[in-house]
Structure formats: C-alpha cells, structure tokens
Amino acid sequence: MKSEIVVVDGKVLHLGLARGQLARNIFLVGDPARANRVAERFDNITAEVRNREYVTITGSYNGVPVSVIGTGIGVDNVEIALVEAYTVCAFDFDSAEYLPGSTPLKFIRIGTSAGIQDNIEPGTMAISTYALGLDNAGLYYDHPAADQVVTQIEERALEILTSCTPAGARFRNKIVPYAAKASPSVAAALADSAASLKFDYVFGITAATPGFYGPSSRFIEGLANTIPSIKTQLSNLQVKDHKVVNMEMESSLLFHLAGHLGCLVGTICPIISKPTASTAILDYSASIESAISIAMSAMCELNGVQPVAST
C-alpha cells in the first residue's frame, strides 16, 4: 500500500529536509536552542535546516555521522519529527514507497525532567527503561506491547489514575495511559557512559504528560486539575524492578513508534526538581551539558566507536 508521505519541493513538509540531509544516528532535544549546544560538539557540519519550529543540524562526531533535531515541546511535535525522519531515510520521495533494506535509525533523546521520587536529588541523570504515556497520541498507533512489563505498567497506571481522580469528576475513567519500552542496548550504553564520566544516574520509568501545568498536577488559581496529585500517586507505581522516577513530555510516543519501526531508542534527562518542591527548579545548564556528553558517548558505543574523552 502506498504511504501517504507529504513531500513538497523534494522536502518533507515540517522538518524541511531533503534526502541525504539527515544521518541515521539522531539526537532529539525539545528546546531548539539545545540543538545548537549539541551541534557545537560535532567535528563538522554538513547540513543545517530550520523550518517552522524545527531545527536540524547534521555532521559527524568522532567519525560517526550524526544529526540533532530540535523538536519543540510535546509528543505531537515528536510524532511529526520521528515520522518525517523515518520518511527521509527510508522512503523514495517520488514513488512514496519504502526502500527495502533501509538501516533502522538510532534515537537518543536529551531532555529535562521533573522528579517523582523524593529520595532522588536534582542533578541526577534519569535513564529511561520504559515510558508511561499520559498523553493520548500513542493510542492512535495500534502497535502491540513490547513485553509483559508494558502491559502491567498500563494496568497499574490506569488503576492509579482512576483511584486518584475525585468521584464525580467529568473525566474520571477517561484518561487512558499507554506504555512503551526503551531499547535495552541504548539504556545500557547511556549507563555505561554515565558511569565512565562519573555522573550519578538512575534507571526507571519516565512518565510523559501532554502539558506542563495541569497534566503535571501544578495548581493554578482559577483552573481545576482532573488529577490533583498525579506526581505523588505515580511515585507508587512499580512493576518488577521498574519504578516511575521522572516526568517529562516526549518519551512515550517516541518509544512507542521507534520501537515498532525497529529503531534503537532511549532517553536521558537530568532531574531538575523534586515532587514536593516543583517550583524550585535546578539551574540546570551544567546538567544539560553533562547529559549531552553522556548521550554522545553512548551513541559512539552503539556504533562500535571508542568514545572521545569528554566532561
């Protein structure tokens, strides 16, 4: 069946990329300005494309072809970026047909996140093993669960969300979570790199919300949150050795789609706040630089290349 890819003047619609302008090793960042911080580490730059809110910079790092895409905030932006990155690397633009034998992409998201567990200090790196989607974007892609842990996370999360929604609330029982799995090899490479560079890190489930305020249960006078204490409640979610450790806004759909496409995918986020003090945000510039170092070292490892010394 012919795919409904959208190409205008030889470029995908939103990223504005032509074939050949994107590497198969891709760093994803929410803040477009952070894309520049990542690209400053590249050995060279061969393409730089800015279209709408998206920024894509391609070059090489330690001999590995790499790109960074600044997606903007949210799973909706990630959906577009991931699908169009896949299109650029795996489709013939003229026929809209998949190119057999296309090498799967590798994605590492470098983000920031709020803490869920009070015993994890801001500045700690959260390396995702799974993602819990509190958005509904993943529900539009009916892909099977990667394993039984995914199913159990979904079941437990639904119980928690229902139980902590006040009786009589208009949207009680209507927020349906989904879960997805990070690639174990990416999580392991991120942990190897963090340990090598001597940064504190934790493994765990990353919860992804569709908004910064209400969906993260931040109180704003004049607005009523459907789930008043979502961070506190999610801190109790644990399946086997996997516990919710942080909250951000992108990884759920990223893992859900990339994993189904056979791509390697993972996320590293500095934890920049505690759940009981969500307005006290860590000055996280240095932590972002550390996360970039870890991610770039991990990408080298995933490509069988010895990471360069970095701090």
C-alpha atoms as a PDB file:
ATOM      1  CA  MET A   1       0.000   0.000   0.000  1.00  0.00           C
ATOM      2  CA  LYS A   2       1.350   3.413  -0.983  1.00  0.00           C
ATOM      3  CA  SER A   3       2.282   5.528   2.042  1.00  0.00           C
ATOM      4  CA  GLU A   4       0.787   8.978   2.472  1.00  0.00           C
ATOM      5  CA  ILE A   5       4.083  10.777   2.976  1.00  0.00           C
ATOM      6  CA  VAL A   6       3.938  14.542   2.411  1.00  0.00           C
ATOM      7  CA  VAL A   7       6.800  15.937   0.320  1.00  0.00           C
ATOM      8  CA  VAL A   8       6.881  19.482  -1.061  1.00  0.00           C
ATOM      9  CA  ASP A   9       9.624  20.564  -3.481  1.00  0.00           C
ATOM     10  CA  GLY A  10      11.678  17.486  -2.601  1.00  0.00           C
ATOM     11  CA  LYS A  11      11.488  18.077   1.158  1.00  0.00           C
ATOM     12  CA  VAL A  12       9.344  16.619   3.931  1.00  0.00           C
ATOM     13  CA  LEU A  13       6.691  19.095   4.981  1.00  0.00           C
ATOM     14  CA  HIS A  14       7.606  20.034   8.556  1.00  0.00           C
ATOM     15  CA  LEU A  15      11.299  19.255   9.032  1.00  0.00           C
ATOM     16  CA  GLY A  16      12.067  20.731   5.611  1.00  0.00           C
ATOM     17  CA  LEU A  17      14.673  18.042   4.930  1.00  0.00           C
ATOM     18  CA  ALA A  18      15.676  16.555   1.597  1.00  0.00           C
ATOM     19  CA  ARG A  19      17.092  13.051   1.284  1.00  0.00           C
ATOM     20  CA  GLY A  20      20.734  12.960   2.360  1.00  0.00           C
ATOM     21  CA  GLN A  21      20.384  15.767   4.891  1.00  0.00           C
ATOM     22  CA  LEU A  22      19.786  13.511   7.891  1.00  0.00           C
ATOM     23  CA  ALA A  23      22.129  10.982   9.491  1.00  0.00           C
ATOM     24  CA  ARG A  24      20.851   7.684  10.880  1.00  0.00           C
ATOM     25  CA  ASN A  25      22.178   8.492  14.367  1.00  0.00           C
ATOM     26  CA  ILE A  26      19.873  11.163  15.740  1.00  0.00           C
ATOM     27  CA  PHE A  27      19.801  13.177  18.959  1.00  0.00           C
ATOM     28  CA  LEU A  28      16.393  14.654  19.812  1.00  0.00           C
ATOM     29  CA  VAL A  29      16.054  17.707  22.020  1.00  0.00           C
ATOM     30  CA  GLY A  30      12.944  19.665  22.903  1.00  0.00           C
ATOM     31  CA  ASP A  31      14.492  23.141  23.080  1.00  0.00           C
ATOM     32  CA  PRO A  32      15.662  24.201  19.594  1.00  0.00           C
ATOM     33  CA  ALA A  33      18.451  26.221  21.245  1.00  0.00           C
ATOM     34  CA  ARG A  34      19.716  22.974  22.759  1.00  0.00           C
ATOM     35  CA  ALA A  35      20.236  21.630  19.247  1.00  0.00           C
ATOM     36  CA  ASN A  36      22.946  24.242  18.823  1.00  0.00           C
ATOM     37  CA  ARG A  37      24.587  23.143  22.072  1.00  0.00           C
ATOM     38  CA  VAL A  38      24.707  19.568  20.817  1.00  0.00           C
ATOM     39  CA  ALA A  39      25.977  20.588  17.366  1.00  0.00           C
ATOM     40  CA  GLU A  40      28.807  22.591  18.941  1.00  0.00           C
ATOM     41  CA  ARG A  41      30.333  19.207  19.815  1.00  0.00           C
ATOM     42  CA  PHE A  42      30.254  17.972  16.191  1.00  0.00           C
ATOM     43  CA  ASP A  43      33.535  17.664  14.308  1.00  0.00           C
ATOM     44  CA  ASN A  44      31.913  19.220  11.252  1.00  0.00           C
ATOM     45  CA  ILE A  45      28.507  20.307   9.962  1.00  0.00           C
ATOM     46  CA  THR A  46      27.255  19.278   6.534  1.00  0.00           C
ATOM     47  CA  ALA A  47      23.652  20.499   6.695  1.00  0.00           C
ATOM     48  CA  GLU A  48      21.615  22.903   8.795  1.00  0.00           C
ATOM     49  CA  VAL A  49      17.900  23.268   8.156  1.00  0.00           C
ATOM     50  CA  ARG A  50      15.413  25.415  10.057  1.00  0.00           C
ATOM     51  CA  ASN A  51      11.739  25.107   9.189  1.00  0.00           C
ATOM     52  CA  ARG A  52       8.797  26.154  11.332  1.00  0.00           C
ATOM     53  CA  GLU A  53       9.775  25.327  14.930  1.00  0.00           C
ATOM     54  CA  TYR A  54      12.144  22.542  13.883  1.00  0.00           C
ATOM     55  CA  VAL A  55      15.926  22.798  13.776  1.00  0.00           C
ATOM     56  CA  THR A  56      18.024  20.006  12.220  1.00  0.00           C
ATOM     57  CA  ILE A  57      21.816  20.025  12.149  1.00  0.00           C
ATOM     58  CA  THR A  58      23.812  17.185  10.579  1.00  0.00           C
ATOM     59  CA  GLY A  59      27.509  16.421  10.673  1.00  0.00           C
ATOM     60  CA  SER A  60      29.815  13.919  12.335  1.00  0.00           C
ATOM     61  CA  TYR A  61      31.146  13.218  15.793  1.00  0.00           C
ATOM     62  CA  ASN A  62      34.236  11.111  16.341  1.00  0.00           C
ATOM     63  CA  GLY A  63      33.781   9.752  12.839  1.00  0.00           C
ATOM     64  CA  VAL A  64      30.115   8.802  13.394  1.00  0.00           C
ATOM     65  CA  PRO A  65      27.523  10.503  11.123  1.00  0.00           C
ATOM     66  CA  VAL A  66      25.077  12.267  13.457  1.00  0.00           C
ATOM     67  CA  SER A  67      22.164  14.671  13.410  1.00  0.00           C
ATOM     68  CA  VAL A  68      20.383  16.634  16.104  1.00  0.00           C
ATOM     69  CA  ILE A  69      16.755  17.685  15.769  1.00  0.00           C
ATOM     70  CA  GLY A  70      15.231  20.387  17.955  1.00  0.00           C
ATOM     71  CA  THR A  71      11.596  19.292  18.032  1.00  0.00           C
ATOM     72  CA  GLY A  72       9.966  21.816  20.318  1.00  0.00           C
ATOM     73  CA  ILE A  73       7.858  20.691  23.269  1.00  0.00           C
ATOM     74  CA  GLY A  74       5.398  17.810  23.309  1.00  0.00           C
ATOM     75  CA  VAL A  75       4.520  14.429  21.872  1.00  0.00           C
ATOM     76  CA  ASP A  76       2.718  15.972  18.890  1.00  0.00           C
ATOM     77  CA  ASN A  77       5.958  17.591  17.730  1.00  0.00           C
ATOM     78  CA  VAL A  78       7.860  14.354  18.345  1.00  0.00           C
ATOM     79  CA  GLU A  79       5.353  12.397  16.259  1.00  0.00           C
ATOM     80  CA  ILE A  80       5.948  14.646  13.272  1.00  0.00           C
ATOM     81  CA  ALA A  81       9.735  14.685  13.722  1.00  0.00           C
ATOM     82  CA  LEU A  82      10.044  10.914  14.096  1.00  0.00           C
ATOM     83  CA  VAL A  83       7.746  10.029  11.196  1.00  0.00           C
ATOM     84  CA  GLU A  84       9.420  12.530   8.877  1.00  0.00           C
ATOM     85  CA  ALA A  85      12.927  11.416   9.928  1.00  0.00           C
ATOM     86  CA  TYR A  86      11.861   7.857   9.091  1.00  0.00           C
ATOM     87  CA  THR A  87      10.464   9.100   5.776  1.00  0.00           C
ATOM     88  CA  VAL A  88      13.672  10.925   4.828  1.00  0.00           C
ATOM     89  CA  CYS A  89      15.828   7.875   5.458  1.00  0.00           C
ATOM     90  CA  ALA A  90      13.568   5.030   4.343  1.00  0.00           C
ATOM     91  CA  PHE A  91      11.303   6.184   1.504  1.00  0.00           C
ATOM     92  CA  ASP A  92      11.582   7.040  -2.167  1.00  0.00           C
ATOM     93  CA  PHE A  93      10.072  10.517  -2.392  1.00  0.00           C
ATOM     94  CA  ASP A  94       8.807  10.069  -5.960  1.00  0.00           C
ATOM     95  CA  SER A  95       7.035   6.735  -5.523  1.00  0.00           C
ATOM     96  CA  ALA A  96       6.213   7.150  -1.796  1.00  0.00           C
ATOM     97  CA  GLU A  97       7.355   3.567  -1.363  1.00  0.00           C
ATOM     98  CA  TYR A  98       9.505   2.098   1.393  1.00  0.00           C
ATOM     99  CA  LEU A  99      13.070   1.329   0.352  1.00  0.00           C
ATOM    100  CA  PRO A 100      13.736  -2.309   1.308  1.00  0.00           C
ATOM    101  CA  GLY A 101      16.885  -2.851   3.326  1.00  0.00           C
ATOM    102  CA  SER A 102      16.867   0.622   4.891  1.00  0.00           C
ATOM    103  CA  THR A 103      19.025   0.663   8.007  1.00  0.00           C
ATOM    104  CA  PRO A 104      16.991   1.383  11.173  1.00  0.00           C
ATOM    105  CA  LEU A 105      17.617   4.727  12.837  1.00  0.00           C
ATOM    106  CA  LYS A 106      19.075   5.282  16.289  1.00  0.00           C
ATOM    107  CA  PHE A 107      17.446   7.927  18.503  1.00  0.00           C
ATOM    108  CA  ILE A 108      18.681   9.313  21.810  1.00  0.00           C
ATOM    109  CA  ARG A 109      16.537  11.987  23.403  1.00  0.00           C
ATOM    110  CA  ILE A 110      18.317  14.521  25.616  1.00  0.00           C
ATOM    111  CA  GLY A 111      15.733  16.299  27.735  1.00  0.00           C
ATOM    112  CA  THR A 112      14.965  17.697  31.153  1.00  0.00           C
ATOM    113  CA  SER A 113      12.515  16.265  33.657  1.00  0.00           C
ATOM    114  CA  ALA A 114      10.783  16.706  36.996  1.00  0.00           C
ATOM    115  CA  GLY A 115      11.495  14.259  39.788  1.00  0.00           C
ATOM    116  CA  ILE A 116       8.847  11.824  41.007  1.00  0.00           C
ATOM    117  CA  GLN A 117      10.736  10.256  43.932  1.00  0.00           C
ATOM    118  CA  ASP A 118      11.698  12.484  46.859  1.00  0.00           C
ATOM    119  CA  ASN A 119      14.837  10.466  47.556  1.00  0.00           C
ATOM    120  CA  ILE A 120      16.363  11.252  44.136  1.00  0.00           C
ATOM    121  CA  GLU A 121      18.265  14.525  44.184  1.00  0.00           C
ATOM    122  CA  PRO A 122      18.043  17.132  41.399  1.00  0.00           C
ATOM    123  CA  GLY A 123      21.018  16.824  39.097  1.00  0.00           C
ATOM    124  CA  THR A 124      20.742  13.031  38.933  1.00  0.00           C
ATOM    125  CA  MET A 125      20.501  11.643  35.406  1.00  0.00           C
ATOM    126  CA  ALA A 126      17.341   9.622  34.700  1.00  0.00           C
ATOM    127  CA  ILE A 127      17.856   6.885  32.100  1.00  0.00           C
ATOM    128  CA  SER A 128      14.532   5.544  30.865  1.00  0.00           C
ATOM    129  CA  THR A 129      13.814   1.829  30.764  1.00  0.00           C
ATOM    130  CA  TYR A 130      10.142   2.342  29.890  1.00  0.00           C
ATOM    131  CA  ALA A 131       7.879   5.318  29.267  1.00  0.00           C
ATOM    132  CA  LEU A 132       4.351   5.822  30.545  1.00  0.00           C
ATOM    133  CA  GLY A 133       2.200   7.912  28.210  1.00  0.00           C
ATOM    134  CA  LEU A 134      -0.357  10.134  29.927  1.00  0.00           C
ATOM    135  CA  ASP A 135      -0.990  11.755  26.557  1.00  0.00           C
ATOM    136  CA  ASN A 136      -3.326  10.097  24.063  1.00  0.00           C
ATOM    137  CA  ALA A 137      -1.162  10.336  20.929  1.00  0.00           C
ATOM    138  CA  GLY A 138       0.107   6.779  21.247  1.00  0.00           C
ATOM    139  CA  LEU A 139      -3.446   5.446  21.188  1.00  0.00           C
ATOM    140  CA  TYR A 140      -3.648   6.367  17.501  1.00  0.00           C
ATOM    141  CA  TYR A 141      -0.962   3.789  16.683  1.00  0.00           C
ATOM    142  CA  ASP A 142      -2.223   0.302  17.489  1.00  0.00           C
ATOM    143  CA  HIS A 143       1.111  -1.420  17.994  1.00  0.00           C
ATOM    144  CA  PRO A 144       1.438  -4.483  20.234  1.00  0.00           C
ATOM    145  CA  ALA A 145       3.029  -4.213  23.679  1.00  0.00           C
ATOM    146  CA  ALA A 146       6.771  -4.856  23.597  1.00  0.00           C
ATOM    147  CA  ASP A 147       6.579  -7.190  26.602  1.00  0.00           C
ATOM    148  CA  GLN A 148       4.542  -8.095  29.670  1.00  0.00           C
ATOM    149  CA  VAL A 149       6.051  -5.251  31.681  1.00  0.00           C
ATOM    150  CA  VAL A 150       4.481  -2.756  29.272  1.00  0.00           C
ATOM    151  CA  THR A 151       1.074  -4.334  29.818  1.00  0.00           C
ATOM    152  CA  GLN A 152       1.489  -4.356  33.590  1.00  0.00           C
ATOM    153  CA  ILE A 153       2.577  -0.691  33.644  1.00  0.00           C
ATOM    154  CA  GLU A 154      -0.543   0.228  31.678  1.00  0.00           C
ATOM    155  CA  GLU A 155      -2.813  -1.744  34.005  1.00  0.00           C
ATOM    156  CA  ARG A 156      -1.274  -0.349  37.190  1.00  0.00           C
ATOM    157  CA  ALA A 157      -1.239   3.221  35.863  1.00  0.00           C
ATOM    158  CA  LEU A 158      -4.917   3.034  34.930  1.00  0.00           C
ATOM    159  CA  GLU A 159      -5.757   1.857  38.451  1.00  0.00           C
ATOM    160  CA  ILE A 160      -3.796   4.752  39.960  1.00  0.00           C
ATOM    161  CA  LEU A 161      -5.224   7.430  37.669  1.00  0.00           C
ATOM    162  CA  THR A 162      -8.774   6.242  38.312  1.00  0.00           C
ATOM    163  CA  SER A 163      -8.369   5.976  42.070  1.00  0.00           C
ATOM    164  CA  CYS A 164      -6.865   9.447  42.468  1.00  0.00           C
ATOM    165  CA  THR A 165      -9.462  11.196  40.297  1.00  0.00           C
ATOM    166  CA  PRO A 166     -12.219  12.628  42.514  1.00  0.00           C
ATOM    167  CA  ALA A 167     -15.598  10.903  42.323  1.00  0.00           C
ATOM    168  CA  GLY A 168     -17.932  12.860  40.071  1.00  0.00           C
ATOM    169  CA  ALA A 169     -15.125  14.404  38.045  1.00  0.00           C
ATOM    170  CA  ARG A 170     -16.186  14.855  34.423  1.00  0.00           C
ATOM    171  CA  PHE A 171     -13.188  12.983  33.008  1.00  0.00           C
ATOM    172  CA  ARG A 172     -12.914  10.193  35.559  1.00  0.00           C
ATOM    173  CA  ASN A 173     -12.032   6.918  33.756  1.00  0.00           C
ATOM    174  CA  LYS A 174     -11.392   8.800  30.508  1.00  0.00           C
ATOM    175  CA  ILE A 175      -7.615   9.258  30.785  1.00  0.00           C
ATOM    176  CA  VAL A 176      -6.252   6.004  29.392  1.00  0.00           C
ATOM    177  CA  PRO A 177      -2.468   5.564  29.722  1.00  0.00           C
ATOM    178  CA  TYR A 178      -0.198   3.545  27.478  1.00  0.00           C
ATOM    179  CA  ALA A 179       3.383   2.378  27.939  1.00  0.00           C
ATOM    180  CA  ALA A 180       6.351   1.642  25.701  1.00  0.00           C
ATOM    181  CA  LYS A 181       9.824   0.217  26.107  1.00  0.00           C
ATOM    182  CA  ALA A 182      13.213   1.832  25.544  1.00  0.00           C
ATOM    183  CA  SER A 183      15.821  -0.231  23.714  1.00  0.00           C
ATOM    184  CA  PRO A 184      17.835  -2.089  26.387  1.00  0.00           C
ATOM    185  CA  SER A 185      21.039  -1.583  24.404  1.00  0.00           C
ATOM    186  CA  VAL A 186      20.534   2.201  24.406  1.00  0.00           C
ATOM    187  CA  ALA A 187      19.750   2.302  28.135  1.00  0.00           C
ATOM    188  CA  ALA A 188      22.849   0.195  28.793  1.00  0.00           C
ATOM    189  CA  ALA A 189      25.062   2.426  26.636  1.00  0.00           C
ATOM    190  CA  LEU A 190      23.774   5.526  28.438  1.00  0.00           C
ATOM    191  CA  ALA A 191      24.505   3.901  31.807  1.00  0.00           C
ATOM    192  CA  ASP A 192      27.980   2.833  30.679  1.00  0.00           C
ATOM    193  CA  SER A 193      28.725   6.375  29.571  1.00  0.00           C
ATOM    194  CA  ALA A 194      27.334   7.977  32.726  1.00  0.00           C
ATOM    195  CA  ALA A 195      29.432   5.652  34.885  1.00  0.00           C
ATOM    196  CA  SER A 196      32.532   6.252  32.775  1.00  0.00           C
ATOM    197  CA  LEU A 197      32.069  10.016  33.039  1.00  0.00           C
ATOM    198  CA  LYS A 198      31.297   9.707  36.770  1.00  0.00           C
ATOM    199  CA  PHE A 199      27.766  11.130  36.753  1.00  0.00           C
ATOM    200  CA  ASP A 200      25.065   9.901  39.126  1.00  0.00           C
ATOM    201  CA  TYR A 201      22.173   8.190  37.354  1.00  0.00           C
ATOM    202  CA  VAL A 202      19.083   6.082  37.980  1.00  0.00           C
ATOM    203  CA  PHE A 203      17.139   3.690  35.775  1.00  0.00           C
ATOM    204  CA  GLY A 204      13.358   3.862  35.747  1.00  0.00           C
ATOM    205  CA  ILE A 205      10.052   4.573  34.091  1.00  0.00           C
ATOM    206  CA  THR A 206       9.633   8.038  32.597  1.00  0.00           C
ATOM    207  CA  ALA A 207       6.091   9.422  32.706  1.00  0.00           C
ATOM    208  CA  ALA A 208       5.240  11.686  29.771  1.00  0.00           C
ATOM    209  CA  THR A 209       2.424  14.226  30.048  1.00  0.00           C
ATOM    210  CA  PRO A 210       0.721  16.322  27.344  1.00  0.00           C
ATOM    211  CA  GLY A 211       1.218  19.556  29.273  1.00  0.00           C
ATOM    212  CA  PHE A 212       3.401  21.286  31.851  1.00  0.00           C
ATOM    213  CA  TYR A 213       0.815  22.595  34.302  1.00  0.00           C
ATOM    214  CA  GLY A 214      -2.456  20.705  34.807  1.00  0.00           C
ATOM    215  CA  PRO A 215      -1.264  17.382  33.367  1.00  0.00           C
ATOM    216  CA  SER A 216       1.657  17.545  35.818  1.00  0.00           C
ATOM    217  CA  SER A 217      -0.784  18.497  38.631  1.00  0.00           C
ATOM    218  CA  ARG A 218       0.617  22.012  39.103  1.00  0.00           C
ATOM    219  CA  PHE A 219      -2.010  24.158  40.801  1.00  0.00           C
ATOM    220  CA  ILE A 220      -3.014  27.403  39.080  1.00  0.00           C
ATOM    221  CA  GLU A 221      -5.685  29.568  40.691  1.00  0.00           C
ATOM    222  CA  GLY A 222      -8.816  29.560  38.541  1.00  0.00           C
ATOM    223  CA  LEU A 223      -8.144  26.133  37.000  1.00  0.00           C
ATOM    224  CA  ALA A 224      -9.268  22.740  38.314  1.00  0.00           C
ATOM    225  CA  ASN A 225      -6.997  19.742  37.798  1.00  0.00           C
ATOM    226  CA  THR A 226      -8.699  16.440  36.979  1.00  0.00           C
ATOM    227  CA  ILE A 227      -5.990  14.546  38.898  1.00  0.00           C
ATOM    228  CA  PRO A 228      -4.832  16.769  41.793  1.00  0.00           C
ATOM    229  CA  SER A 229      -1.780  14.782  42.942  1.00  0.00           C
ATOM    230  CA  ILE A 230      -0.507  12.848  39.971  1.00  0.00           C
ATOM    231  CA  LYS A 231       3.197  13.004  40.896  1.00  0.00           C
ATOM    232  CA  THR A 232       2.631  11.722  44.404  1.00  0.00           C
ATOM    233  CA  GLN A 233       0.394   8.938  43.139  1.00  0.00           C
ATOM    234  CA  LEU A 234       2.722   7.846  40.334  1.00  0.00           C
ATOM    235  CA  SER A 235       5.599   7.560  42.807  1.00  0.00           C
ATOM    236  CA  ASN A 236       3.860   4.382  43.986  1.00  0.00           C
ATOM    237  CA  LEU A 237       3.851   2.770  40.553  1.00  0.00           C
ATOM    238  CA  GLN A 238       6.323  -0.081  40.341  1.00  0.00           C
ATOM    239  CA  VAL A 239       6.364  -3.149  38.089  1.00  0.00           C
ATOM    240  CA  LYS A 240       9.090  -5.663  38.913  1.00  0.00           C
ATOM    241  CA  ASP A 241      12.263  -3.551  39.261  1.00  0.00           C
ATOM    242  CA  HIS A 242      10.857  -0.610  37.298  1.00  0.00           C
ATOM    243  CA  LYS A 243       9.618   2.424  39.228  1.00  0.00           C
ATOM    244  CA  VAL A 244       8.476   5.817  37.919  1.00  0.00           C
ATOM    245  CA  VAL A 245      11.389   8.183  38.560  1.00  0.00           C
ATOM    246  CA  ASN A 246      10.733  11.270  36.433  1.00  0.00           C
ATOM    247  CA  MET A 247       8.219  13.158  34.329  1.00  0.00           C
ATOM    248  CA  GLU A 248       8.643  14.944  31.008  1.00  0.00           C
ATOM    249  CA  MET A 249       6.628  15.431  27.802  1.00  0.00           C
ATOM    250  CA  GLU A 250       8.047  13.424  24.905  1.00  0.00           C
ATOM    251  CA  SER A 251       9.385   9.911  25.526  1.00  0.00           C
ATOM    252  CA  SER A 252       6.129   7.936  25.499  1.00  0.00           C
ATOM    253  CA  LEU A 253       5.303   8.337  21.808  1.00  0.00           C
ATOM    254  CA  LEU A 254       8.990   8.284  20.868  1.00  0.00           C
ATOM    255  CA  PHE A 255       9.446   4.803  22.337  1.00  0.00           C
ATOM    256  CA  HIS A 256       6.059   3.591  21.079  1.00  0.00           C
ATOM    257  CA  LEU A 257       6.764   4.486  17.434  1.00  0.00           C
ATOM    258  CA  ALA A 258      10.521   3.996  17.210  1.00  0.00           C
ATOM    259  CA  GLY A 259      10.404   0.600  18.849  1.00  0.00           C
ATOM    260  CA  HIS A 260       7.736  -0.648  16.447  1.00  0.00           C
ATOM    261  CA  LEU A 261       9.794   0.551  13.476  1.00  0.00           C
ATOM    262  CA  GLY A 262      12.795  -1.457  14.679  1.00  0.00           C
ATOM    263  CA  CYS A 263      14.785   1.649  15.615  1.00  0.00           C
ATOM    264  CA  LEU A 264      17.028   1.847  18.664  1.00  0.00           C
ATOM    265  CA  VAL A 265      15.694   4.447  21.079  1.00  0.00           C
ATOM    266  CA  GLY A 266      16.400   5.815  24.536  1.00  0.00           C
ATOM    267  CA  THR A 267      16.166   8.919  26.706  1.00  0.00           C
ATOM    268  CA  ILE A 268      18.415  10.616  29.230  1.00  0.00           C
ATOM    269  CA  CYS A 269      17.126  13.541  31.286  1.00  0.00           C
ATOM    270  CA  PRO A 270      18.611  15.404  34.212  1.00  0.00           C
ATOM    271  CA  ILE A 271      16.114  15.546  37.060  1.00  0.00           C
ATOM    272  CA  ILE A 272      15.743  19.256  37.789  1.00  0.00           C
ATOM    273  CA  SER A 273      13.182  19.340  40.617  1.00  0.00           C
ATOM    274  CA  LYS A 274      11.652  17.315  43.446  1.00  0.00           C
ATOM    275  CA  PRO A 275       7.961  16.395  43.549  1.00  0.00           C
ATOM    276  CA  THR A 276       7.403  18.231  46.831  1.00  0.00           C
ATOM    277  CA  ALA A 277       9.072  21.408  45.530  1.00  0.00           C
ATOM    278  CA  SER A 278       8.099  21.538  41.872  1.00  0.00           C
ATOM    279  CA  THR A 279       8.565  25.304  41.607  1.00  0.00           C
ATOM    280  CA  ALA A 280      12.198  25.097  42.814  1.00  0.00           C
ATOM    281  CA  ILE A 281      13.940  24.373  39.531  1.00  0.00           C
ATOM    282  CA  LEU A 282      17.615  23.468  39.463  1.00  0.00           C
ATOM    283  CA  ASP A 283      19.877  25.811  37.482  1.00  0.00           C
ATOM    284  CA  TYR A 284      20.358  23.002  35.017  1.00  0.00           C
ATOM    285  CA  SER A 285      22.722  24.376  32.371  1.00  0.00           C
ATOM    286  CA  ALA A 286      25.621  22.287  33.650  1.00  0.00           C
ATOM    287  CA  SER A 287      23.406  19.195  33.930  1.00  0.00           C
ATOM    288  CA  ILE A 288      22.343  19.599  30.311  1.00  0.00           C
ATOM    289  CA  GLU A 289      25.986  19.701  29.240  1.00  0.00           C
ATOM    290  CA  SER A 290      26.588  16.523  31.233  1.00  0.00           C
ATOM    291  CA  ALA A 291      23.600  14.808  29.605  1.00  0.00           C
ATOM    292  CA  ILE A 292      24.892  15.809  26.164  1.00  0.00           C
ATOM    293  CA  SER A 293      28.288  14.314  26.987  1.00  0.00           C
ATOM    294  CA  ILE A 294      26.673  11.063  28.131  1.00  0.00           C
ATOM    295  CA  ALA A 295      24.419  10.825  25.078  1.00  0.00           C
ATOM    296  CA  MET A 296      27.213  11.474  22.598  1.00  0.00           C
ATOM    297  CA  SER A 297      29.456   8.925  24.277  1.00  0.00           C
ATOM    298  CA  ALA A 298      26.608   6.401  24.214  1.00  0.00           C
ATOM    299  CA  MET A 299      25.997   6.994  20.502  1.00  0.00           C
ATOM    300  CA  CYS A 300      29.643   6.227  19.834  1.00  0.00           C
ATOM    301  CA  GLU A 301      29.352   2.992  21.830  1.00  0.00           C
ATOM    302  CA  LEU A 302      26.229   1.990  19.888  1.00  0.00           C
ATOM    303  CA  ASN A 303      28.208   2.421  16.671  1.00  0.00           C
ATOM    304  CA  GLY A 304      31.192   0.421  17.885  1.00  0.00           C
ATOM    305  CA  VAL A 305      33.376   3.513  18.179  1.00  0.00           C
ATOM    306  CA  GLN A 306      35.529   4.324  21.181  1.00  0.00           C
ATOM    307  CA  PRO A 307      34.063   7.459  22.817  1.00  0.00           C
ATOM    308  CA  VAL A 308      36.286  10.523  22.945  1.00  0.00           C
ATOM    309  CA  ALA A 309      37.301  11.926  26.316  1.00  0.00           C
ATOM    310  CA  SER A 310      34.635  14.354  27.439  1.00  0.00           C
ATOM    311  CA  THR A 311      33.461  16.180  30.541  1.00  0.00           C
END
